[in-house]
Amino acid sequence: MKDRGIDARLLSEITGVSHSTVERWLNGTFEPRQRNLLKITNALDVSNDYLLGKA
């Protein structure tokens, strides 16, 4: 995310998800729901496979 100039707060704004939820995704407490994966991949301009570590 940092290489794209996006931090947790900006990702929260872009995806419409609360900042605390984004922080939980980043620290591994929660995994994003399917409906939010598309928002994240669009915000970061990456594929689902890349985001999930499969690429």
Protein backbone atom coordinates (compact mmCIF):
# COMPACT_ATOMS: atom_id res chain seq x y z
CA MET A 1 0.00 0.00 0.00
CA LYS A 2 2.77 2.42 0.89
CA ASP A 3 4.34 2.11 -2.55
CA ARG A 4 1.01 3.30 -3.98
CA GLY A 5 0.76 6.21 -1.54
CA ILE A 6 -2.18 4.70 0.31
CA ASP A 7 -2.37 4.35 4.07
CA ALA A 8 -5.06 2.74 6.21
CA ARG A 9 -7.03 5.96 6.58
CA LEU A 10 -7.08 6.63 2.83
CA LEU A 11 -8.02 3.01 2.09
CA SER A 12 -10.87 3.44 4.55
CA GLU A 13 -12.08 6.53 2.71
CA ILE A 14 -11.76 4.93 -0.74
CA THR A 15 -13.56 1.71 0.22
CA GLY A 16 -16.17 3.24 2.52
CA VAL A 17 -15.15 0.88 5.32
CA SER A 18 -14.38 2.14 8.81
CA HIS A 19 -10.77 2.90 9.66
CA SER A 20 -10.85 0.42 12.55
CA THR A 21 -11.96 -2.37 10.19
CA VAL A 22 -9.16 -1.57 7.75
CA GLU A 23 -6.67 -1.66 10.64
CA ARG A 24 -8.03 -5.08 11.64
CA TRP A 25 -7.52 -6.33 8.07
CA LEU A 26 -3.96 -5.06 8.11
CA ASN A 27 -3.06 -6.62 11.46
CA GLY A 28 -4.73 -9.92 10.59
CA THR A 29 -7.56 -9.77 13.12
CA PHE A 30 -10.21 -9.85 10.38
CA GLU A 31 -10.20 -10.90 6.76
CA PRO A 32 -12.11 -8.72 4.31
CA ARG A 33 -15.49 -9.96 3.17
CA GLN A 34 -15.86 -10.83 -0.49
CA ARG A 35 -17.76 -7.64 -1.24
CA ASN A 36 -14.87 -5.59 0.11
CA LEU A 37 -12.17 -7.45 -1.80
CA LEU A 38 -13.20 -5.77 -5.04
CA LYS A 39 -13.08 -2.35 -3.38
CA ILE A 40 -9.58 -3.08 -2.07
CA THR A 41 -8.25 -4.46 -5.34
CA ASN A 42 -9.62 -1.43 -7.20
CA ALA A 43 -8.10 0.99 -4.68
CA LEU A 44 -4.69 -0.69 -4.85
CA ASP A 45 -4.90 -1.55 -8.57
CA VAL A 46 -4.02 -5.21 -7.96
CA SER A 47 -5.69 -8.55 -8.72
CA ASN A 48 -7.59 -10.67 -6.21
CA ASP A 49 -4.90 -13.32 -6.55
CA TYR A 50 -2.18 -10.81 -5.74
CA LEU A 51 -4.09 -9.49 -2.75
CA LEU A 52 -4.64 -13.02 -1.44
CA GLY A 53 -1.00 -13.98 -1.99
CA LYS A 54 -1.71 -16.40 -4.82
CA ALA A 55 0.11 -14.49 -7.56
